[in-house]
Amino acid sequence: APRLLATLSQTGARGLFRQVSARDGLTEWRARDGSGLVFRSGILVRTYALGHDLHAAEPGDLLARFASGQGGRTTRIHRYIDGENREIVRAFVCDVTIGPERGGPGGAVRDITERCAGTDMDFTNRYVRARSGRIVSSAQWVGPEVGYLRTGPPEIGRPAIVPIAVTN
């Protein structure tokens, strides 16, 4: 099964995840400790058992922007469940910038930046997207307690195949 290396920016915790399902554009990954990640075509849409999980993310028309190669403004909704089982909804307006193609170890890639602003927090997601459309590495916001989730393919003794820089 495909594997994914993930690191949490706030704690530095790292884990190796194995793909457990892929259907209808959703890919689910699970670690040995039971924690999990769900992506829609490379965009993080849910985490579980990480602590302070992202219950659901609605990335607006981000995938359409990726496919068209055109940046611009989009919206994003994040849903969390608090300690009293109440839903907390946070809305963001995001500006997407898609860089020119550049060479990468696995072929041509583009750097994509998604800068998002909400009423009480801002964050910047970064993606490295292959010409095939696959997200080969990323740093995506989970929430204020967890920070960013950095993902990439596992490489023994080496960083992700296409390194990305994360700034909080």
C-alpha atoms as a PDB file:
ATOM      1  CA  ALA A   1       0.000   0.000   0.000  1.00  0.00           C
ATOM      2  CA  PRO A   2       1.221   3.556  -0.653  1.00  0.00           C
ATOM      3  CA  ARG A   3       2.791   5.334   2.323  1.00  0.00           C
ATOM      4  CA  LEU A   4       2.894   8.962   3.436  1.00  0.00           C
ATOM      5  CA  LEU A   5       5.177  10.655   5.957  1.00  0.00           C
ATOM      6  CA  ALA A   6       3.427  13.322   8.045  1.00  0.00           C
ATOM      7  CA  THR A   7       4.805  15.782  10.622  1.00  0.00           C
ATOM      8  CA  LEU A   8       2.878  18.133  12.920  1.00  0.00           C
ATOM      9  CA  SER A   9       4.483  21.578  13.135  1.00  0.00           C
ATOM     10  CA  GLN A  10       3.431  22.407  16.721  1.00  0.00           C
ATOM     11  CA  THR A  11       4.794  19.254  18.344  1.00  0.00           C
ATOM     12  CA  GLY A  12       7.237  17.895  15.781  1.00  0.00           C
ATOM     13  CA  ALA A  13       5.465  14.522  16.015  1.00  0.00           C
ATOM     14  CA  ARG A  14       6.085  12.394  12.915  1.00  0.00           C
ATOM     15  CA  GLY A  15       4.235   9.380  11.656  1.00  0.00           C
ATOM     16  CA  LEU A  16       4.157   7.003   8.752  1.00  0.00           C
ATOM     17  CA  PHE A  17       0.672   6.551   7.304  1.00  0.00           C
ATOM     18  CA  ARG A  18      -0.555   3.803   4.983  1.00  0.00           C
ATOM     19  CA  GLN A  19      -3.307   4.326   2.459  1.00  0.00           C
ATOM     20  CA  VAL A  20      -6.379   2.366   3.552  1.00  0.00           C
ATOM     21  CA  SER A  21      -8.928   3.538   0.970  1.00  0.00           C
ATOM     22  CA  ALA A  22      -9.291   5.613  -2.170  1.00  0.00           C
ATOM     23  CA  ARG A  23     -12.666   6.316  -3.750  1.00  0.00           C
ATOM     24  CA  ASP A  24     -14.622   9.228  -5.196  1.00  0.00           C
ATOM     25  CA  GLY A  25     -11.551  11.485  -5.012  1.00  0.00           C
ATOM     26  CA  LEU A  26     -11.095  10.849  -1.262  1.00  0.00           C
ATOM     27  CA  THR A  27      -7.974   9.106   0.025  1.00  0.00           C
ATOM     28  CA  GLU A  28      -7.772   7.908   3.621  1.00  0.00           C
ATOM     29  CA  TRP A  29      -4.482   7.235   5.395  1.00  0.00           C
ATOM     30  CA  ARG A  30      -4.007   5.571   8.786  1.00  0.00           C
ATOM     31  CA  ALA A  31      -1.040   5.253  11.162  1.00  0.00           C
ATOM     32  CA  ARG A  32      -0.373   2.332  13.500  1.00  0.00           C
ATOM     33  CA  ASP A  33      -1.619   4.368  16.474  1.00  0.00           C
ATOM     34  CA  GLY A  34      -5.056   4.723  14.846  1.00  0.00           C
ATOM     35  CA  SER A  35      -4.675   8.370  13.834  1.00  0.00           C
ATOM     36  CA  GLY A  36      -5.846   9.205  10.361  1.00  0.00           C
ATOM     37  CA  LEU A  37      -5.888  11.729   7.562  1.00  0.00           C
ATOM     38  CA  VAL A  38      -8.359  12.197   4.733  1.00  0.00           C
ATOM     39  CA  PHE A  39      -7.526  14.109   1.555  1.00  0.00           C
ATOM     40  CA  ARG A  40      -9.600  15.124  -1.452  1.00  0.00           C
ATOM     41  CA  SER A  41      -7.200  15.081  -4.411  1.00  0.00           C
ATOM     42  CA  GLY A  42      -4.338  16.088  -2.089  1.00  0.00           C
ATOM     43  CA  ILE A  43      -6.281  18.705  -0.083  1.00  0.00           C
ATOM     44  CA  LEU A  44      -6.617  17.875   3.636  1.00  0.00           C
ATOM     45  CA  VAL A  45     -10.310  17.608   4.503  1.00  0.00           C
ATOM     46  CA  ARG A  46     -10.254  15.718   7.821  1.00  0.00           C
ATOM     47  CA  THR A  47      -8.010  14.450  10.594  1.00  0.00           C
ATOM     48  CA  TYR A  48      -8.816  12.060  13.403  1.00  0.00           C
ATOM     49  CA  ALA A  49      -7.096  10.910  16.602  1.00  0.00           C
ATOM     50  CA  LEU A  50      -4.438  13.638  16.350  1.00  0.00           C
ATOM     51  CA  GLY A  51      -6.035  15.668  19.140  1.00  0.00           C
ATOM     52  CA  HIS A  52      -7.893  18.905  18.312  1.00  0.00           C
ATOM     53  CA  ASP A  53      -8.883  17.393  14.987  1.00  0.00           C
ATOM     54  CA  LEU A  54     -10.110  19.070  11.852  1.00  0.00           C
ATOM     55  CA  HIS A  55     -13.616  17.586  11.663  1.00  0.00           C
ATOM     56  CA  ALA A  56     -14.203  18.772   8.087  1.00  0.00           C
ATOM     57  CA  ALA A  57     -12.695  21.223   5.610  1.00  0.00           C
ATOM     58  CA  GLU A  58     -14.513  22.599   2.613  1.00  0.00           C
ATOM     59  CA  PRO A  59     -11.839  24.056   0.314  1.00  0.00           C
ATOM     60  CA  GLY A  60     -14.220  25.895  -2.033  1.00  0.00           C
ATOM     61  CA  ASP A  61     -13.059  25.928  -5.648  1.00  0.00           C
ATOM     62  CA  LEU A  62      -9.400  25.313  -4.784  1.00  0.00           C
ATOM     63  CA  LEU A  63      -9.233  22.084  -6.829  1.00  0.00           C
ATOM     64  CA  ALA A  64     -10.660  23.872  -9.871  1.00  0.00           C
ATOM     65  CA  ARG A  65      -7.981  26.563  -9.478  1.00  0.00           C
ATOM     66  CA  PHE A  66      -5.296  23.874  -9.290  1.00  0.00           C
ATOM     67  CA  ALA A  67      -6.621  22.191 -12.438  1.00  0.00           C
ATOM     68  CA  SER A  68      -6.873  25.440 -14.414  1.00  0.00           C
ATOM     69  CA  GLY A  69      -3.453  26.679 -13.315  1.00  0.00           C
ATOM     70  CA  GLN A  70      -5.082  30.022 -12.460  1.00  0.00           C
ATOM     71  CA  GLY A  71      -4.707  31.604  -9.042  1.00  0.00           C
ATOM     72  CA  GLY A  72      -7.259  33.957  -7.533  1.00  0.00           C
ATOM     73  CA  ARG A  73      -9.544  34.288  -4.558  1.00  0.00           C
ATOM     74  CA  THR A  74     -11.532  31.463  -3.014  1.00  0.00           C
ATOM     75  CA  THR A  75     -13.218  30.634   0.276  1.00  0.00           C
ATOM     76  CA  ARG A  76     -12.578  27.848   2.766  1.00  0.00           C
ATOM     77  CA  ILE A  77     -14.641  26.531   5.694  1.00  0.00           C
ATOM     78  CA  HIS A  78     -13.139  24.553   8.610  1.00  0.00           C
ATOM     79  CA  ARG A  79     -15.307  22.683  11.099  1.00  0.00           C
ATOM     80  CA  TYR A  80     -14.126  21.547  14.524  1.00  0.00           C
ATOM     81  CA  ILE A  81     -15.856  19.801  17.439  1.00  0.00           C
ATOM     82  CA  ASP A  82     -15.138  21.311  20.867  1.00  0.00           C
ATOM     83  CA  GLY A  83     -14.872  19.507  24.209  1.00  0.00           C
ATOM     84  CA  GLU A  84     -18.635  19.765  24.730  1.00  0.00           C
ATOM     85  CA  ASN A  85     -19.406  18.172  21.345  1.00  0.00           C
ATOM     86  CA  ARG A  86     -20.419  21.486  19.767  1.00  0.00           C
ATOM     87  CA  GLU A  87     -19.479  22.356  16.211  1.00  0.00           C
ATOM     88  CA  ILE A  88     -17.216  25.371  15.720  1.00  0.00           C
ATOM     89  CA  VAL A  89     -17.201  26.791  12.192  1.00  0.00           C
ATOM     90  CA  ARG A  90     -14.431  29.052  10.916  1.00  0.00           C
ATOM     91  CA  ALA A  91     -14.621  30.762   7.536  1.00  0.00           C
ATOM     92  CA  PHE A  92     -11.632  32.070   5.569  1.00  0.00           C
ATOM     93  CA  VAL A  93     -11.045  34.073   2.417  1.00  0.00           C
ATOM     94  CA  CYS A  94      -8.005  32.739   0.582  1.00  0.00           C
ATOM     95  CA  ASP A  95      -5.749  34.068  -2.150  1.00  0.00           C
ATOM     96  CA  VAL A  96      -4.182  31.353  -4.304  1.00  0.00           C
ATOM     97  CA  THR A  97      -0.916  31.868  -6.177  1.00  0.00           C
ATOM     98  CA  ILE A  98       0.344  29.264  -8.628  1.00  0.00           C
ATOM     99  CA  GLY A  99       4.003  29.469  -9.550  1.00  0.00           C
ATOM    100  CA  PRO A 100       5.646  28.534 -12.838  1.00  0.00           C
ATOM    101  CA  GLU A 101       6.770  25.004 -13.546  1.00  0.00           C
ATOM    102  CA  ARG A 102      10.151  24.055 -12.151  1.00  0.00           C
ATOM    103  CA  GLY A 103      12.194  20.906 -12.117  1.00  0.00           C
ATOM    104  CA  GLY A 104      11.862  18.445  -9.262  1.00  0.00           C
ATOM    105  CA  PRO A 105      13.471  15.068  -8.605  1.00  0.00           C
ATOM    106  CA  GLY A 106      10.370  13.302  -9.957  1.00  0.00           C
ATOM    107  CA  GLY A 107       9.702  15.689 -12.875  1.00  0.00           C
ATOM    108  CA  ALA A 108       8.141  19.118 -13.370  1.00  0.00           C
ATOM    109  CA  VAL A 109       6.222  20.622 -10.426  1.00  0.00           C
ATOM    110  CA  ARG A 110       4.506  23.880  -9.481  1.00  0.00           C
ATOM    111  CA  ASP A 111       4.562  25.599  -6.097  1.00  0.00           C
ATOM    112  CA  ILE A 112       1.099  26.683  -4.981  1.00  0.00           C
ATOM    113  CA  THR A 113       0.449  29.032  -2.075  1.00  0.00           C
ATOM    114  CA  GLU A 114      -2.962  29.490  -0.452  1.00  0.00           C
ATOM    115  CA  ARG A 115      -2.970  32.477   1.950  1.00  0.00           C
ATOM    116  CA  CYS A 116      -6.103  32.453   4.100  1.00  0.00           C
ATOM    117  CA  ALA A 117      -7.508  35.084   6.455  1.00  0.00           C
ATOM    118  CA  GLY A 118     -10.349  34.665   8.929  1.00  0.00           C
ATOM    119  CA  THR A 119     -11.775  36.802  11.692  1.00  0.00           C
ATOM    120  CA  ASP A 120      -9.425  35.424  14.354  1.00  0.00           C
ATOM    121  CA  MET A 121      -6.546  33.718  12.502  1.00  0.00           C
ATOM    122  CA  ASP A 122      -4.517  33.641   9.308  1.00  0.00           C
ATOM    123  CA  PHE A 123      -2.556  30.779   7.791  1.00  0.00           C
ATOM    124  CA  THR A 124      -0.736  29.853   4.597  1.00  0.00           C
ATOM    125  CA  ASN A 125      -1.024  26.426   3.003  1.00  0.00           C
ATOM    126  CA  ARG A 126       1.725  25.359   0.614  1.00  0.00           C
ATOM    127  CA  TYR A 127       1.496  22.625  -1.982  1.00  0.00           C
ATOM    128  CA  VAL A 128       3.930  21.137  -4.491  1.00  0.00           C
ATOM    129  CA  ARG A 129       1.907  19.774  -7.405  1.00  0.00           C
ATOM    130  CA  ALA A 130       3.241  17.505 -10.131  1.00  0.00           C
ATOM    131  CA  ARG A 131       2.313  17.977 -13.776  1.00  0.00           C
ATOM    132  CA  SER A 132       0.102  14.877 -13.386  1.00  0.00           C
ATOM    133  CA  GLY A 133      -2.009  16.803 -10.848  1.00  0.00           C
ATOM    134  CA  ARG A 134      -0.810  14.831  -7.818  1.00  0.00           C
ATOM    135  CA  ILE A 135       0.173  16.790  -4.694  1.00  0.00           C
ATOM    136  CA  VAL A 136       3.655  15.408  -3.935  1.00  0.00           C
ATOM    137  CA  SER A 137       4.198  17.376  -0.729  1.00  0.00           C
ATOM    138  CA  SER A 138       2.335  19.974   1.279  1.00  0.00           C
ATOM    139  CA  ALA A 139       2.034  21.958   4.488  1.00  0.00           C
ATOM    140  CA  GLN A 140      -1.649  22.355   5.366  1.00  0.00           C
ATOM    141  CA  TRP A 141      -3.275  24.064   8.343  1.00  0.00           C
ATOM    142  CA  VAL A 142      -5.122  21.776  10.752  1.00  0.00           C
ATOM    143  CA  GLY A 143      -5.908  24.281  13.521  1.00  0.00           C
ATOM    144  CA  PRO A 144      -4.343  26.525  16.177  1.00  0.00           C
ATOM    145  CA  GLU A 145      -3.601  23.703  18.623  1.00  0.00           C
ATOM    146  CA  VAL A 146      -2.055  21.365  16.044  1.00  0.00           C
ATOM    147  CA  GLY A 147      -0.590  23.835  13.551  1.00  0.00           C
ATOM    148  CA  TYR A 148       0.438  22.612  10.124  1.00  0.00           C
ATOM    149  CA  LEU A 149       0.466  19.062   8.835  1.00  0.00           C
ATOM    150  CA  ARG A 150       3.478  18.570   6.566  1.00  0.00           C
ATOM    151  CA  THR A 151       3.218  15.622   4.204  1.00  0.00           C
ATOM    152  CA  GLY A 152       5.387  13.954   1.616  1.00  0.00           C
ATOM    153  CA  PRO A 153       6.525  10.553   0.469  1.00  0.00           C
ATOM    154  CA  PRO A 154       8.708   8.632   2.908  1.00  0.00           C
ATOM    155  CA  GLU A 155      12.370   8.547   1.963  1.00  0.00           C
ATOM    156  CA  ILE A 156      14.748   6.649   4.197  1.00  0.00           C
ATOM    157  CA  GLY A 157      17.137   9.165   5.772  1.00  0.00           C
ATOM    158  CA  ARG A 158      16.036  11.984   3.477  1.00  0.00           C
ATOM    159  CA  PRO A 159      13.356  14.699   3.579  1.00  0.00           C
ATOM    160  CA  ALA A 160      10.265  14.660   1.377  1.00  0.00           C
ATOM    161  CA  ILE A 161      10.983  14.321  -2.348  1.00  0.00           C
ATOM    162  CA  VAL A 162      10.264  18.016  -2.963  1.00  0.00           C
ATOM    163  CA  PRO A 163      11.074  20.037   0.172  1.00  0.00           C
ATOM    164  CA  ILE A 164       8.775  22.859   1.154  1.00  0.00           C
ATOM    165  CA  ALA A 165       9.322  25.663   3.634  1.00  0.00           C
ATOM    166  CA  VAL A 166       6.678  26.401   6.244  1.00  0.00           C
ATOM    167  CA  THR A 167       6.297  29.721   7.994  1.00  0.00           C
ATOM    168  CA  ASN A 168       3.721  30.154  10.744  1.00  0.00           C
END
